[in-house]
Amino acid sequence: MNYFDTKMLLMRDARKLGICKEGYEDMRAKADIQSLVGYYVAHPDWCMSRAFPDLDTLRQHKDVLAENGVFVDTHFDEDNPPLLNERQVYMFHHCTGTIQIGLNVDKALIPMIYFGNGCSMTILPDKSYDVEVSIYVPLYVFGGNTIRPQDTKYVMFSKCRKGFKE
């Protein structure tokens, strides 16, 4: 499917799901897939709470999504879990395995982590984090997922559902 057809499909689906006028106009102004992905990452609560876009559409663009911190059908190796702390938002769809999350001191950044579409993942705190200040990493869980966070003395994971703390 070409960019124009994908964009029209996404705009139609967004309208059916109740996107606001400003959001619709913003989406309509996007000139390429990269900018549409940027829109998706900038509005994770709205998108994930409505399963927008659907998993098949996400799969069609998984390479561009991965470049922007959105992972689809990805397995993360338990023996060598990646440290994810360079972006404000990471999103996972139908993923498995183990990841590390933590504070990025240089960027003053604590990532927000979103799960949807049947993930089964273990989340470890950044093992190099040794500042004696506790941080909480928010985990937003949408739909049927199995998420196993492993807290430590200084890194705790705060599980949330649809944007509200459990």
Protein backbone atom coordinates (compact mmCIF):
# COMPACT_ATOMS: atom_id res chain seq x y z
CA MET A 1 0.00 0.00 0.00
CA ASN A 2 1.43 3.41 -0.93
CA TYR A 3 1.76 6.35 1.45
CA PHE A 4 -1.36 8.17 0.24
CA ASP A 5 -3.57 5.07 0.62
CA THR A 6 -2.11 4.33 4.07
CA LYS A 7 -2.68 7.91 5.18
CA MET A 8 -6.29 7.93 3.94
CA LEU A 9 -6.98 4.63 5.72
CA LEU A 10 -5.46 5.96 8.96
CA MET A 11 -7.42 9.20 8.75
CA ARG A 12 -10.67 7.29 8.14
CA ASP A 13 -10.01 4.99 11.09
CA ALA A 14 -9.00 7.90 13.35
CA ARG A 15 -12.23 9.71 12.53
CA LYS A 16 -14.26 6.56 13.36
CA LEU A 17 -12.42 6.35 16.68
CA GLY A 18 -13.28 9.92 17.62
CA ILE A 19 -10.13 11.92 16.91
CA CYS A 20 -10.54 15.60 17.75
CA LYS A 21 -10.61 18.22 15.00
CA GLU A 22 -7.12 19.50 15.86
CA GLY A 23 -5.69 15.99 15.83
CA TYR A 24 -7.35 15.20 12.52
CA GLU A 25 -6.01 18.40 10.93
CA ASP A 26 -2.55 17.68 12.33
CA MET A 27 -2.63 14.16 10.88
CA ARG A 28 -3.87 15.45 7.53
CA ALA A 29 -0.90 17.85 7.33
CA LYS A 30 1.68 15.05 7.63
CA ALA A 31 3.66 14.67 4.41
CA ASP A 32 5.27 11.25 4.85
CA ILE A 33 5.32 8.03 6.89
CA GLN A 34 8.07 9.36 9.16
CA SER A 35 5.91 12.33 10.21
CA LEU A 36 2.88 10.05 10.75
CA VAL A 37 5.02 7.87 13.02
CA GLY A 38 6.03 11.03 14.90
CA TYR A 39 2.34 11.82 15.38
CA TYR A 40 1.74 8.28 16.71
CA VAL A 41 4.61 8.52 19.22
CA ALA A 42 3.45 11.98 20.34
CA HIS A 43 -0.05 10.68 21.19
CA PRO A 44 0.50 7.20 22.69
CA ASP A 45 -2.39 7.27 25.20
CA TRP A 46 -5.03 8.16 22.61
CA CYS A 47 -3.66 5.73 20.03
CA MET A 48 -3.09 2.73 22.28
CA SER A 49 -6.34 3.06 24.21
CA ARG A 50 -8.14 2.78 20.86
CA ALA A 51 -5.81 0.15 19.31
CA PHE A 52 -4.97 2.68 16.61
CA PRO A 53 -3.62 1.85 14.16
CA ASP A 54 -4.39 -1.85 14.07
CA LEU A 55 -1.64 -4.45 14.42
CA ASP A 56 -1.62 -5.32 10.70
CA THR A 57 -0.97 -1.68 9.78
CA LEU A 58 1.81 -1.47 12.38
CA ARG A 59 3.39 -4.61 10.92
CA GLN A 60 3.50 -3.04 7.45
CA HIS A 61 5.70 -0.22 8.76
CA LYS A 62 7.68 -1.97 11.50
CA ASP A 63 11.11 -0.84 10.24
CA VAL A 64 10.22 2.88 10.30
CA LEU A 65 8.47 2.37 13.64
CA ALA A 66 11.52 0.65 15.20
CA GLU A 67 13.71 3.63 14.23
CA ASN A 68 11.36 5.72 16.39
CA GLY A 69 11.16 3.49 19.48
CA VAL A 70 8.04 1.54 18.45
CA PHE A 71 8.61 -2.21 18.26
CA VAL A 72 6.33 -4.73 16.55
CA ASP A 73 6.71 -8.54 16.71
CA THR A 74 10.21 -8.16 18.17
CA HIS A 75 11.95 -10.62 20.48
CA PHE A 76 14.49 -9.11 22.88
CA ASP A 77 17.22 -11.52 24.02
CA GLU A 78 17.10 -12.33 27.73
CA ASP A 79 20.89 -12.84 27.83
CA ASN A 80 21.65 -9.43 26.32
CA PRO A 81 18.69 -7.12 26.94
CA PRO A 82 18.94 -3.70 25.32
CA LEU A 83 19.08 -0.61 27.52
CA LEU A 84 16.29 1.72 26.44
CA ASN A 85 16.73 5.23 27.84
CA GLU A 86 17.31 7.53 24.86
CA ARG A 87 13.65 8.39 24.11
CA GLN A 88 10.77 9.79 26.11
CA VAL A 89 8.38 7.11 24.79
CA TYR A 90 8.87 3.46 23.87
CA MET A 91 5.97 1.40 22.55
CA PHE A 92 5.76 -2.39 22.19
CA HIS A 93 3.24 -4.43 20.19
CA HIS A 94 3.19 -8.23 20.31
CA CYS A 95 6.78 -8.36 21.61
CA THR A 96 8.56 -10.90 23.81
CA GLY A 97 11.76 -11.13 25.82
CA THR A 98 13.63 -8.84 28.20
CA ILE A 99 14.53 -5.14 28.12
CA GLN A 100 16.34 -2.77 30.49
CA ILE A 101 14.89 0.64 31.29
CA GLY A 102 16.38 3.47 33.29
CA LEU A 103 17.16 7.11 33.80
CA ASN A 104 19.21 8.97 31.22
CA VAL A 105 21.06 11.45 33.43
CA ASP A 106 22.56 13.42 30.52
CA LYS A 107 19.13 14.06 29.00
CA ALA A 108 17.27 14.22 32.35
CA LEU A 109 14.90 11.63 30.92
CA ILE A 110 12.84 8.81 32.40
CA PRO A 111 11.16 6.89 29.58
CA MET A 112 7.45 6.08 29.54
CA ILE A 113 6.84 2.52 28.37
CA TYR A 114 3.66 1.37 26.56
CA PHE A 115 2.56 -2.22 25.87
CA GLY A 116 -0.23 -3.51 23.65
CA ASN A 117 -1.32 -6.41 21.46
CA GLY A 118 -0.23 -9.34 23.60
CA CYS A 119 3.32 -8.61 24.79
CA SER A 120 5.05 -11.04 27.12
CA MET A 121 8.05 -9.23 28.54
CA THR A 122 10.35 -8.91 31.53
CA ILE A 123 11.58 -5.42 32.37
CA LEU A 124 14.84 -4.95 34.24
CA PRO A 125 16.13 -1.70 35.70
CA ASP A 126 19.27 -0.18 34.25
CA LYS A 127 22.03 -2.11 36.03
CA SER A 128 24.46 0.81 35.79
CA TYR A 129 22.13 3.14 37.67
CA ASP A 130 23.84 3.88 40.98
CA VAL A 131 22.57 7.32 41.98
CA GLU A 132 20.98 7.10 45.43
CA VAL A 133 17.71 8.67 44.36
CA SER A 134 14.68 6.53 43.66
CA ILE A 135 13.00 6.87 40.28
CA TYR A 136 9.69 5.47 39.09
CA VAL A 137 9.34 4.36 35.50
CA PRO A 138 5.72 4.41 34.28
CA LEU A 139 4.48 1.31 32.45
CA TYR A 140 1.23 1.74 30.51
CA VAL A 141 -0.46 -1.55 29.69
CA PHE A 142 -3.28 -1.77 27.13
CA GLY A 143 -5.06 -5.07 26.51
CA GLY A 144 -3.90 -8.61 27.23
CA ASN A 145 -0.20 -8.48 28.05
CA THR A 146 2.06 -10.27 30.51
CA ILE A 147 4.51 -7.73 31.89
CA ARG A 148 7.00 -8.70 34.62
CA PRO A 149 8.84 -5.68 36.04
CA GLN A 150 11.81 -6.36 38.35
CA ASP A 151 12.22 -3.52 40.86
CA THR A 152 15.44 -2.63 42.65
CA LYS A 153 16.26 -0.32 45.52
CA TYR A 154 16.52 2.74 43.26
CA VAL A 155 14.41 1.87 40.21
CA MET A 156 10.77 0.97 40.64
CA PHE A 157 8.24 0.36 37.91
CA SER A 158 4.79 1.86 38.30
CA LYS A 159 2.24 -0.25 36.41
CA CYS A 160 -0.61 1.74 34.91
CA ARG A 161 -3.59 0.71 32.83
CA LYS A 162 -4.98 2.99 30.16
CA GLY A 163 -3.14 5.92 31.68
CA PHE A 164 -4.44 5.44 35.24
CA LYS A 165 -2.45 3.93 38.05
CA GLU A 166 -3.73 0.54 39.27
